[in-house]
Amino acid sequence: MSVKPGYRGRVSVPNQRELAAEEQLLNEPLYRDLRPRVLELVQRSQGASTVEEWVHLHRDLLIEFGARQDAIDETLPAARQQLRAEIRELAQREPKPIDDIRTKQQILERVGRQELVARASQHTLRQVGDGIAWRGLQYDRRAFTILGEGEPVGRLAQGIGREAELAELGRLWEAEAVFAIHNDLTNRLRHGDLTAIRETEGGASDVTLIEVKAGVRADDTPQLRRLARATELLRDGRQLGDGIVVHVTVVPTAYETYLGVLPELIATARDVGYAWARPHECLLVGAVDYRVWGRESSEYNARSDAERPRVGWGGEEPETLDWTASLRRIRDRGWSFSSLAPYTIFPLDVEDVTDVAMGFVDLAYGFHLPLLERALTREGRDSCPPRRRRRGDLPRGCPPRRCVRVPAHLREQMMVELMTPNALFALLDHVLTLNEQRPDEANDRCIVTFADEAAVWDIKRSSQRALD
């Protein structure tokens, strides 16, 4: 399924070399061998219901992740350094041993591919960690928006730092029966080292952010002040500091998506290789199973590309955004929108979740901006559609006091999570109403979530709703 990437988030779209490496990744034996382990972890994540099950699942994931990180650190950097030194030494000889140099360069390229496999494998395991975190925090998007600020670490500490963190994880469980998540085991928790989750009497989650310092006790550090601000925003829904005011607001309607089209779409792709659907006039979604056609990519791409305009529109339609799960996965290894749901919590069969998270099944998205604007107009909204304009320009028909610019993460939310336009309309109306009621807060930063998102993501509840 050839899709020209037209959407750019904070990080640039991967180039053709990166895309070719990603395609090659799916044929790497070491990466393919990871699939049964990921499938098992995702299955346990979908079925876990007690704190003890979450603790054991998190422990097993932590062991897997840590062992792989240690093995990578002990082998690949040293092998790369040695090979480069050997190539430099061979290049200084006269006459140059060309065949020997080429052989060493081929081995060095193989080490580079192994490094890609290692990065991709660790990212996949962190996606499982994201799924554990989202379920542990009861699918609270507000929490991930707040706790996901900053740069991800993506690797465990070494030596006494890791020992201290593991000791605190063990103490919380053994002494207090509290489940805590190691934040470096996720892509989206970026405040502190651990996130401890305690269930309150009302069934909500009370979150404690923990910074672990081996052998050091500091009562007032920049890290601790940062944790305190995040905790305040989580608890009170409002934060003041550094000249910035942040509000949390909840749209008082259920979150709606078109995720229900994915199971049949993926099933068709597993059968014939590709499938396209158009759940709304402005949204297009496709699925592809790269294992069906193997190396016959030219014929396969031609068939898929011919099917896309029959269902919706072609890839060259003006003012559209295109994105894929593969592009998201490549980008997310460096940086990600923390507020977006990971594929590991999608309400899909465990096989589908595993294959989408790892890339064996790809998803492609198209977002038609003029058609969304038309839908906004029909609904009587005068808010701004998410399209590029020169700075300072106002969209057509958008009075200054009724203007909401839809940020990049909401555009991606419509594509990746297949959020319905009705949900977007409800969000915009809610924000516009708040701006009219509280004009002095209209320019404050606002974190907006929906009520009861768990109904969408909880696999048991979503399955029951589909039966009803």
Protein backbone atom coordinates (compact mmCIF):
# COMPACT_ATOMS: atom_id res chain seq x y z
CA MET A 1 0.00 0.00 0.00
CA SER A 2 1.95 2.98 -1.21
CA VAL A 3 0.88 6.11 0.65
CA LYS A 4 2.69 9.39 0.17
CA PRO A 5 3.11 10.90 3.66
CA GLY A 6 1.58 14.36 3.68
CA TYR A 7 1.31 14.98 7.41
CA ARG A 8 4.16 16.46 9.40
CA GLY A 9 4.09 16.55 13.17
CA ARG A 10 6.83 17.92 15.39
CA VAL A 11 9.36 15.50 13.89
CA SER A 12 9.96 15.37 10.13
CA VAL A 13 8.49 12.59 8.03
CA PRO A 14 10.94 9.68 7.59
CA ASN A 15 12.90 9.67 4.34
CA GLN A 16 12.92 6.89 1.74
CA ARG A 17 16.01 5.28 3.26
CA GLU A 18 14.30 5.00 6.64
CA LEU A 19 11.15 3.62 5.01
CA ALA A 20 13.19 0.98 3.14
CA ALA A 21 14.91 0.00 6.40
CA GLU A 22 11.52 -0.29 8.08
CA GLU A 23 10.29 -2.61 5.34
CA GLN A 24 13.43 -4.72 5.68
CA LEU A 25 12.91 -4.85 9.45
CA LEU A 26 9.80 -7.01 9.02
CA ASN A 27 11.97 -9.72 7.42
CA GLU A 28 14.60 -9.75 10.16
CA PRO A 29 14.46 -13.09 12.05
CA LEU A 30 15.27 -11.50 15.41
CA TYR A 31 12.40 -9.06 15.04
CA ARG A 32 9.96 -11.71 13.87
CA ASP A 33 11.00 -13.90 16.81
CA LEU A 34 9.82 -11.17 19.19
CA ARG A 35 6.21 -11.48 18.01
CA PRO A 36 5.15 -14.48 20.20
CA ARG A 37 6.48 -12.73 23.30
CA VAL A 38 4.68 -9.47 22.48
CA LEU A 39 1.47 -11.37 21.74
CA GLU A 40 1.66 -13.06 25.15
CA LEU A 41 2.26 -9.76 26.97
CA VAL A 42 -0.59 -8.01 25.12
CA GLN A 43 -2.92 -10.91 25.88
CA ARG A 44 -2.08 -10.70 29.57
CA SER A 45 -2.55 -6.93 29.47
CA GLN A 46 -6.02 -7.32 27.95
CA GLY A 47 -7.02 -9.91 30.55
CA ALA A 48 -5.43 -8.53 33.74
CA SER A 49 -7.97 -7.48 36.34
CA THR A 50 -6.22 -7.56 39.73
CA VAL A 51 -3.38 -5.46 41.09
CA GLU A 52 -1.30 -8.61 41.55
CA GLU A 53 -1.71 -9.51 37.86
CA TRP A 54 -0.60 -6.01 36.85
CA VAL A 55 2.44 -6.19 39.13
CA HIS A 56 3.53 -9.57 37.73
CA LEU A 57 2.97 -8.46 34.13
CA HIS A 58 4.95 -5.28 34.71
CA ARG A 59 7.75 -7.25 36.37
CA ASP A 60 8.02 -9.67 33.44
CA LEU A 61 8.07 -6.82 30.93
CA LEU A 62 10.72 -5.04 32.97
CA ILE A 63 12.91 -8.16 33.03
CA GLU A 64 12.51 -8.63 29.27
CA PHE A 65 13.27 -5.00 28.50
CA GLY A 66 16.23 -4.77 30.88
CA ALA A 67 17.83 -8.01 29.69
CA ARG A 68 17.58 -6.91 26.05
CA GLN A 69 19.01 -3.48 26.84
CA ASP A 70 21.96 -5.00 28.69
CA ALA A 71 22.66 -7.46 25.87
CA ILE A 72 22.56 -4.66 23.30
CA ASP A 73 24.87 -2.43 25.34
CA GLU A 74 27.38 -5.24 25.81
CA THR A 75 27.63 -6.29 22.15
CA LEU A 76 26.61 -3.86 19.42
CA PRO A 77 28.54 -0.66 20.33
CA ALA A 78 31.77 -2.63 20.86
CA ALA A 79 31.29 -4.56 17.61
CA ARG A 80 30.65 -1.35 15.66
CA GLN A 81 33.72 0.36 17.17
CA GLN A 82 35.98 -2.63 16.46
CA LEU A 83 34.80 -2.99 12.85
CA ARG A 84 35.36 0.69 12.14
CA ALA A 85 38.87 0.46 13.56
CA GLU A 86 39.59 -2.61 11.43
CA ILE A 87 38.30 -0.87 8.27
CA ARG A 88 40.50 2.18 8.99
CA GLU A 89 43.52 -0.08 9.47
CA LEU A 90 42.83 -1.97 6.23
CA ALA A 91 42.35 1.30 4.33
CA GLN A 92 45.89 2.41 5.31
CA ARG A 93 47.54 -0.62 3.73
CA GLU A 94 49.17 -0.53 0.32
CA PRO A 95 47.92 -2.04 -1.82
CA LYS A 96 44.49 -1.76 -0.29
CA PRO A 97 42.82 -5.15 0.36
CA ILE A 98 39.55 -4.17 -1.36
CA ASP A 99 37.82 -7.52 -0.82
CA ASP A 100 38.65 -7.54 2.89
CA ILE A 101 37.40 -3.96 3.27
CA ARG A 102 34.13 -4.82 1.52
CA THR A 103 33.66 -7.85 3.75
CA LYS A 104 34.15 -5.74 6.87
CA GLN A 105 31.79 -3.07 5.53
CA GLN A 106 29.12 -5.71 4.92
CA ILE A 107 29.50 -6.90 8.50
CA LEU A 108 29.27 -3.28 9.70
CA GLU A 109 26.06 -2.85 7.70
CA ARG A 110 24.72 -5.98 9.37
CA VAL A 111 25.52 -4.50 12.78
CA GLY A 112 23.61 -1.39 11.73
CA ARG A 113 20.58 -3.53 10.85
CA GLN A 114 20.87 -5.27 14.21
CA GLU A 115 20.84 -1.86 15.90
CA LEU A 116 17.61 -1.01 14.04
CA VAL A 117 16.12 -4.33 15.14
CA ALA A 118 17.17 -3.59 18.72
CA ARG A 119 15.65 -0.08 18.70
CA ALA A 120 12.44 -1.32 17.11
CA SER A 121 12.17 -4.24 19.54
CA GLN A 122 12.65 -2.01 22.58
CA HIS A 123 10.12 0.47 21.23
CA THR A 124 7.61 -2.36 20.74
CA LEU A 125 8.10 -3.43 24.35
CA ARG A 126 7.62 0.18 25.46
CA GLN A 127 4.32 0.18 23.54
CA VAL A 128 3.29 -2.74 25.75
CA GLY A 129 4.37 -0.61 28.72
CA ASP A 130 2.21 2.23 27.40
CA GLY A 131 -0.74 -0.15 27.26
CA ILE A 132 -0.16 -1.18 30.87
CA ALA A 133 0.05 2.48 31.89
CA TRP A 134 -3.14 3.47 30.04
CA ARG A 135 -5.08 0.60 31.57
CA GLY A 136 -3.58 1.19 35.02
CA LEU A 137 -4.60 4.86 34.86
CA GLN A 138 -8.10 3.93 33.63
CA TYR A 139 -7.59 5.39 30.15
CA ASP A 140 -7.25 8.91 31.55
CA ARG A 141 -5.97 10.92 28.56
CA ARG A 142 -5.68 13.97 30.81
CA ALA A 143 -3.02 12.18 32.86
CA PHE A 144 -0.91 11.30 29.83
CA THR A 145 -1.17 14.81 28.42
CA ILE A 146 0.20 16.14 31.69
CA LEU A 147 2.69 13.40 32.54
CA GLY A 148 3.95 13.12 28.95
CA GLU A 149 5.53 16.57 28.78
CA GLY A 150 9.28 16.56 28.28
CA GLU A 151 11.63 14.25 26.43
CA PRO A 152 11.30 10.46 26.75
CA VAL A 153 14.25 8.50 28.15
CA GLY A 154 13.55 5.15 26.51
CA ARG A 155 16.10 3.14 28.47
CA LEU A 156 16.62 1.98 32.03
CA ALA A 157 19.25 3.43 34.31
CA GLN A 158 22.42 1.45 34.89
CA GLY A 159 24.09 0.22 38.08
CA ILE A 160 22.98 1.52 41.44
CA GLY A 161 20.41 3.84 39.82
CA ARG A 162 18.48 0.88 38.43
CA GLU A 163 18.91 -1.08 41.65
CA ALA A 164 17.41 1.78 43.66
CA GLU A 165 14.42 2.05 41.30
CA LEU A 166 13.77 -1.71 41.41
CA ALA A 167 14.06 -1.68 45.19
CA GLU A 168 11.43 1.06 45.44
CA LEU A 169 9.12 -0.82 43.06
CA GLY A 170 9.45 -3.90 45.28
CA ARG A 171 8.91 -1.92 48.49
CA LEU A 172 5.74 -0.28 47.19
CA TRP A 173 4.23 -3.67 46.37
CA GLU A 174 5.43 -5.64 49.38
CA ALA A 175 4.91 -2.95 52.04
CA GLU A 176 1.91 -1.05 50.64
CA ALA A 177 0.37 -3.39 47.99
CA VAL A 178 0.70 -0.51 45.51
CA PHE A 179 1.22 -0.99 41.79
CA ALA A 180 3.85 1.34 40.34
CA ILE A 181 4.98 1.73 36.74
CA HIS A 182 8.60 2.28 35.80
CA ASN A 183 8.33 5.33 33.55
CA ASP A 184 11.35 4.40 31.40
CA LEU A 185 9.39 1.30 30.38
CA THR A 186 6.93 3.57 28.53
CA ASN A 187 7.02 6.21 25.81
CA ARG A 188 4.49 8.47 27.48
CA LEU A 189 5.30 8.85 31.19
CA ARG A 190 8.08 11.43 31.45
CA HIS A 191 7.81 12.87 34.96
CA GLY A 192 9.94 11.20 37.61
CA ASP A 193 11.16 7.61 37.69
CA LEU A 194 8.05 5.81 38.92
CA THR A 195 4.30 6.42 38.75
CA ALA A 196 2.50 4.84 41.71
CA ILE A 197 -1.23 4.20 41.29
CA ARG A 198 -3.53 3.90 44.29
CA GLU A 199 -7.24 3.29 43.88
CA THR A 200 -9.46 5.58 45.93
CA GLU A 201 -12.77 4.69 47.57
CA GLY A 202 -14.72 6.14 44.65
CA GLY A 203 -12.88 3.92 42.17
CA ALA A 204 -10.69 6.71 40.77
CA SER A 205 -6.91 6.61 40.64
CA ASP A 206 -4.66 8.62 42.93
CA VAL A 207 -1.28 9.15 41.28
CA THR A 208 2.02 9.70 43.06
CA LEU A 209 5.11 10.66 41.05
CA ILE A 210 8.35 9.35 42.53
CA GLU A 211 11.89 10.47 41.83
CA VAL A 212 14.37 7.84 43.04
CA LYS A 213 17.88 9.01 43.91
CA ALA A 214 20.30 6.30 45.01
CA GLY A 215 21.86 7.25 48.34
CA VAL A 216 20.74 10.89 48.07
CA ARG A 217 17.85 12.72 49.70
CA ALA A 218 16.99 16.10 48.25
CA ASP A 219 13.93 17.96 49.46
CA ASP A 220 14.04 20.84 46.95
CA THR A 221 15.37 20.16 43.47
CA PRO A 222 14.17 21.24 39.99
CA GLN A 223 12.96 17.66 39.39
CA LEU A 224 10.87 17.61 42.55
CA ARG A 225 9.37 21.03 41.83
CA ARG A 226 8.46 19.80 38.34
CA LEU A 227 6.78 16.73 39.84
CA ALA A 228 4.88 18.93 42.28
CA ARG A 229 3.51 21.10 39.46
CA ALA A 230 2.37 18.04 37.50
CA THR A 231 0.73 16.56 40.59
CA GLU A 232 -1.06 19.85 41.26
CA LEU A 233 -2.45 19.92 37.73
CA LEU A 234 -3.60 16.30 38.01
CA ARG A 235 -5.27 16.92 41.36
CA ASP A 236 -6.79 20.38 40.89
CA GLY A 237 -7.20 20.64 37.10
CA ARG A 238 -5.49 24.02 37.20
CA GLN A 239 -1.90 25.13 37.43
CA LEU A 240 -0.23 28.51 37.68
CA GLY A 241 3.47 28.95 37.29
CA ASP A 242 6.21 30.50 35.15
CA GLY A 243 3.67 32.93 33.71
CA ILE A 244 1.57 30.08 32.24
CA VAL A 245 -1.94 29.16 33.30
CA VAL A 246 -3.12 25.65 32.42
CA HIS A 247 -6.70 24.38 32.74
CA VAL A 248 -8.09 20.87 32.39
CA THR A 249 -11.62 20.59 31.06
CA VAL A 250 -13.77 17.57 30.25
CA VAL A 251 -16.21 17.51 27.33
CA PRO A 252 -19.45 16.24 28.94
CA THR A 253 -20.19 13.76 26.14
CA ALA A 254 -19.00 10.25 25.32
CA TYR A 255 -15.93 9.87 23.15
CA GLU A 256 -16.85 8.56 19.69
CA THR A 257 -14.62 6.81 17.16
CA TYR A 258 -14.86 4.68 14.03
CA LEU A 259 -12.52 2.04 15.49
CA GLY A 260 -15.29 -0.49 14.97
CA VAL A 261 -14.41 -0.64 11.24
CA LEU A 262 -10.91 -1.97 11.92
CA PRO A 263 -11.59 -5.67 12.74
CA GLU A 264 -13.29 -6.38 9.41
CA LEU A 265 -10.79 -4.19 7.55
CA ILE A 266 -7.83 -6.09 9.00
CA ALA A 267 -9.53 -9.45 8.40
CA THR A 268 -9.94 -8.57 4.70
CA ALA A 269 -6.31 -7.45 4.50
CA ARG A 270 -5.19 -10.76 5.99
CA ASP A 271 -7.13 -12.51 3.23
CA VAL A 272 -6.36 -10.48 0.09
CA GLY A 273 -3.54 -8.21 1.28
CA TYR A 274 -5.28 -4.84 1.48
CA ALA A 275 -8.60 -3.16 2.21
CA TRP A 276 -9.98 0.38 2.30
CA ALA A 277 -12.98 1.90 4.07
CA ARG A 278 -14.47 5.38 4.31
CA PRO A 279 -16.24 5.66 7.67
CA HIS A 280 -17.00 9.36 7.08
CA GLU A 281 -16.84 11.56 4.01
CA CYS A 282 -13.68 13.25 5.34
CA LEU A 283 -11.93 10.11 6.66
CA LEU A 284 -10.33 7.25 4.77
CA VAL A 285 -8.63 4.26 6.43
CA GLY A 286 -6.85 1.30 4.89
CA ALA A 287 -5.24 -1.88 6.17
CA VAL A 288 -2.47 -3.95 4.61
CA ASP A 289 -0.88 -7.26 5.57
CA TYR A 290 2.61 -7.22 4.07
CA ARG A 291 2.96 -10.99 4.48
CA VAL A 292 0.24 -11.79 1.92
CA TRP A 293 2.05 -10.60 -1.20
CA GLY A 294 5.61 -10.95 -0.05
CA ARG A 295 8.06 -9.49 -2.55
CA GLU A 296 5.49 -8.81 -5.28
CA SER A 297 5.14 -5.21 -4.08
CA SER A 298 4.66 -3.54 -7.49
CA GLU A 299 1.50 -5.49 -8.38
CA TYR A 300 0.30 -5.30 -4.81
CA ASN A 301 0.73 -1.51 -4.60
CA ALA A 302 -0.98 -1.04 -7.96
CA ARG A 303 -4.06 -2.96 -6.80
CA SER A 304 -4.25 -1.12 -3.50
CA ASP A 305 -3.76 2.28 -5.14
CA ALA A 306 -6.54 1.49 -7.61
CA GLU A 307 -8.89 0.50 -4.81
CA ARG A 308 -8.33 3.66 -2.74
CA PRO A 309 -10.01 6.19 -5.11
CA ARG A 310 -12.88 3.77 -5.68
CA VAL A 311 -13.63 3.89 -1.95
CA GLY A 312 -12.73 7.50 -1.27
CA TRP A 313 -10.19 9.66 -3.09
CA GLY A 314 -6.75 9.27 -4.61
CA GLY A 315 -3.45 10.09 -2.96
CA GLU A 316 -3.01 13.31 -4.94
CA GLU A 317 -6.24 15.00 -3.79
CA PRO A 318 -5.39 18.60 -2.76
CA GLU A 319 -5.63 19.70 0.88
CA THR A 320 -5.56 16.23 2.34
CA LEU A 321 -3.35 14.71 5.02
CA ASP A 322 -1.99 11.16 4.73
CA TRP A 323 -0.40 9.19 7.53
CA THR A 324 0.34 5.55 8.34
CA ALA A 325 0.93 3.44 11.42
CA SER A 326 4.44 2.69 10.13
CA LEU A 327 5.29 6.39 9.85
CA ARG A 328 3.93 6.96 13.33
CA ARG A 329 5.99 4.07 14.70
CA ILE A 330 9.23 5.38 13.13
CA ARG A 331 8.59 8.88 14.48
CA ASP A 332 7.51 7.69 17.93
CA ARG A 333 10.87 6.00 18.53
CA GLY A 334 12.29 9.49 18.90
CA TRP A 335 9.34 11.59 20.01
CA SER A 336 5.59 11.12 20.27
CA PHE A 337 2.35 12.88 21.13
CA SER A 338 1.92 11.58 24.66
CA SER A 339 -1.85 12.21 24.62
CA LEU A 340 -2.52 9.80 21.74
CA ALA A 341 -3.64 6.28 22.58
CA PRO A 342 -1.06 3.55 21.88
CA TYR A 343 -2.01 0.74 19.52
CA THR A 344 -1.63 -1.71 22.40
CA ILE A 345 -4.94 -0.54 23.92
CA PHE A 346 -6.95 -0.56 20.69
CA PRO A 347 -10.17 -2.63 21.07
CA LEU A 348 -8.95 -5.36 18.73
CA ASP A 349 -8.17 -9.06 18.86
CA VAL A 350 -4.77 -9.74 20.43
CA GLU A 351 -3.35 -10.93 17.07
CA ASP A 352 -4.43 -7.68 15.39
CA VAL A 353 -3.05 -5.52 18.20
CA THR A 354 0.31 -7.30 18.07
CA ASP A 355 0.64 -7.11 14.28
CA VAL A 356 -0.32 -3.42 14.12
CA ALA A 357 2.01 -2.50 17.00
CA MET A 358 4.93 -4.35 15.37
CA GLY A 359 4.13 -3.34 11.78
CA PHE A 360 3.26 -6.65 10.15
CA VAL A 361 -0.17 -5.15 9.56
CA ASP A 362 -0.07 -1.50 8.57
CA LEU A 363 -2.85 1.06 8.76
CA ALA A 364 -3.11 4.03 6.38
CA TYR A 365 -5.17 7.14 6.99
CA GLY A 366 -6.48 9.93 4.80
CA PHE A 367 -7.98 13.15 6.18
CA HIS A 368 -9.82 15.39 3.67
CA LEU A 369 -9.75 18.93 5.05
CA PRO A 370 -12.25 20.60 2.64
CA LEU A 371 -14.79 17.85 3.34
CA LEU A 372 -14.34 18.36 7.08
CA GLU A 373 -14.90 22.10 6.57
CA ARG A 374 -18.06 21.30 4.61
CA ALA A 375 -19.29 19.11 7.47
CA LEU A 376 -18.53 21.92 9.93
CA THR A 377 -20.54 24.33 7.81
CA ARG A 378 -23.51 21.96 7.58
CA GLU A 379 -23.48 21.62 11.36
CA GLY A 380 -23.56 25.39 11.77
CA ARG A 381 -20.10 25.61 13.32
CA ASP A 382 -17.93 28.58 12.60
CA SER A 383 -14.79 27.15 14.19
CA CYS A 384 -11.61 26.77 12.22
CA PRO A 385 -10.93 23.59 10.29
CA PRO A 386 -7.41 22.17 10.80
CA ARG A 387 -5.76 23.41 7.62
CA ARG A 388 -2.56 25.27 6.97
CA ARG A 389 -2.74 29.03 6.58
CA ARG A 390 -0.29 31.87 6.80
CA ARG A 391 0.29 33.08 10.30
CA GLY A 392 -2.30 35.66 11.28
CA ASP A 393 -4.82 34.68 8.60
CA LEU A 394 -8.36 33.89 9.72
CA PRO A 395 -10.26 31.06 8.05
CA ARG A 396 -13.24 31.88 5.90
CA GLY A 397 -16.36 32.59 7.94
CA CYS A 398 -14.56 32.46 11.26
CA PRO A 399 -15.12 35.57 13.42
CA PRO A 400 -12.14 36.34 15.69
CA ARG A 401 -14.07 35.60 18.90
CA ARG A 402 -15.34 32.26 17.62
CA CYS A 403 -12.06 30.92 16.31
CA VAL A 404 -10.42 27.71 17.54
CA ARG A 405 -7.32 26.46 15.79
CA VAL A 406 -7.22 22.68 15.92
CA PRO A 407 -3.72 21.59 17.03
CA ALA A 408 -1.65 18.91 15.34
CA HIS A 409 -2.34 16.23 17.92
CA LEU A 410 -6.10 16.52 17.29
CA ARG A 411 -5.56 16.13 13.55
CA GLU A 412 -3.60 12.97 14.25
CA GLN A 413 -6.23 11.85 16.75
CA MET A 414 -8.86 11.99 14.00
CA MET A 415 -6.70 9.83 11.76
CA VAL A 416 -5.03 7.38 14.15
CA GLU A 417 -7.89 6.94 16.64
CA LEU A 418 -10.54 7.55 13.96
CA MET A 419 -12.23 10.13 16.18
CA THR A 420 -15.57 11.05 14.63
CA PRO A 421 -16.26 14.59 13.38
CA ASN A 422 -19.16 14.68 15.86
CA ALA A 423 -16.65 14.23 18.68
CA LEU A 424 -14.49 16.99 17.21
CA PHE A 425 -17.56 19.24 16.92
CA ALA A 426 -18.47 18.56 20.57
CA LEU A 427 -14.91 19.41 21.65
CA LEU A 428 -14.87 22.65 19.65
CA ASP A 429 -18.28 23.71 20.91
CA HIS A 430 -17.20 23.02 24.48
CA VAL A 431 -14.05 25.12 24.15
CA LEU A 432 -15.86 27.95 22.37
CA THR A 433 -18.54 28.02 25.06
CA LEU A 434 -15.89 28.17 27.77
CA ASN A 435 -14.14 31.00 25.96
CA GLU A 436 -17.38 32.99 25.84
CA GLN A 437 -18.16 32.32 29.50
CA ARG A 438 -14.62 33.05 30.68
CA PRO A 439 -13.05 35.47 28.18
CA ASP A 440 -10.17 36.21 30.58
CA GLU A 441 -9.11 32.53 30.28
CA ALA A 442 -9.51 32.24 26.50
CA ASN A 443 -5.75 32.49 25.89
CA ASP A 444 -4.77 30.09 28.67
CA ARG A 445 -3.46 26.67 27.78
CA CYS A 446 -6.32 24.17 27.86
CA ILE A 447 -6.14 20.37 28.13
CA VAL A 448 -9.40 18.90 26.81
CA THR A 449 -10.55 15.32 27.30
CA PHE A 450 -13.83 13.42 26.95
CA ALA A 451 -15.96 11.83 29.63
CA ASP A 452 -15.69 8.04 30.03
CA GLU A 453 -13.11 7.21 27.37
CA ALA A 454 -12.75 3.78 28.97
CA ALA A 455 -15.94 2.75 27.15
CA VAL A 456 -13.98 3.00 23.88
CA TRP A 457 -10.70 1.38 24.96
CA ASP A 458 -11.73 -1.32 27.41
CA ILE A 459 -11.81 -4.45 25.23
CA LYS A 460 -14.51 -6.13 27.33
CA ARG A 461 -16.82 -3.10 27.39
CA SER A 462 -16.33 -2.32 23.70
CA SER A 463 -17.05 -5.95 22.76
CA GLN A 464 -20.23 -5.96 24.80
CA ARG A 465 -21.31 -2.65 23.26
CA ALA A 466 -20.78 -4.12 19.77
CA LEU A 467 -23.02 -7.08 20.70
CA ASP A 468 -25.71 -4.75 22.05
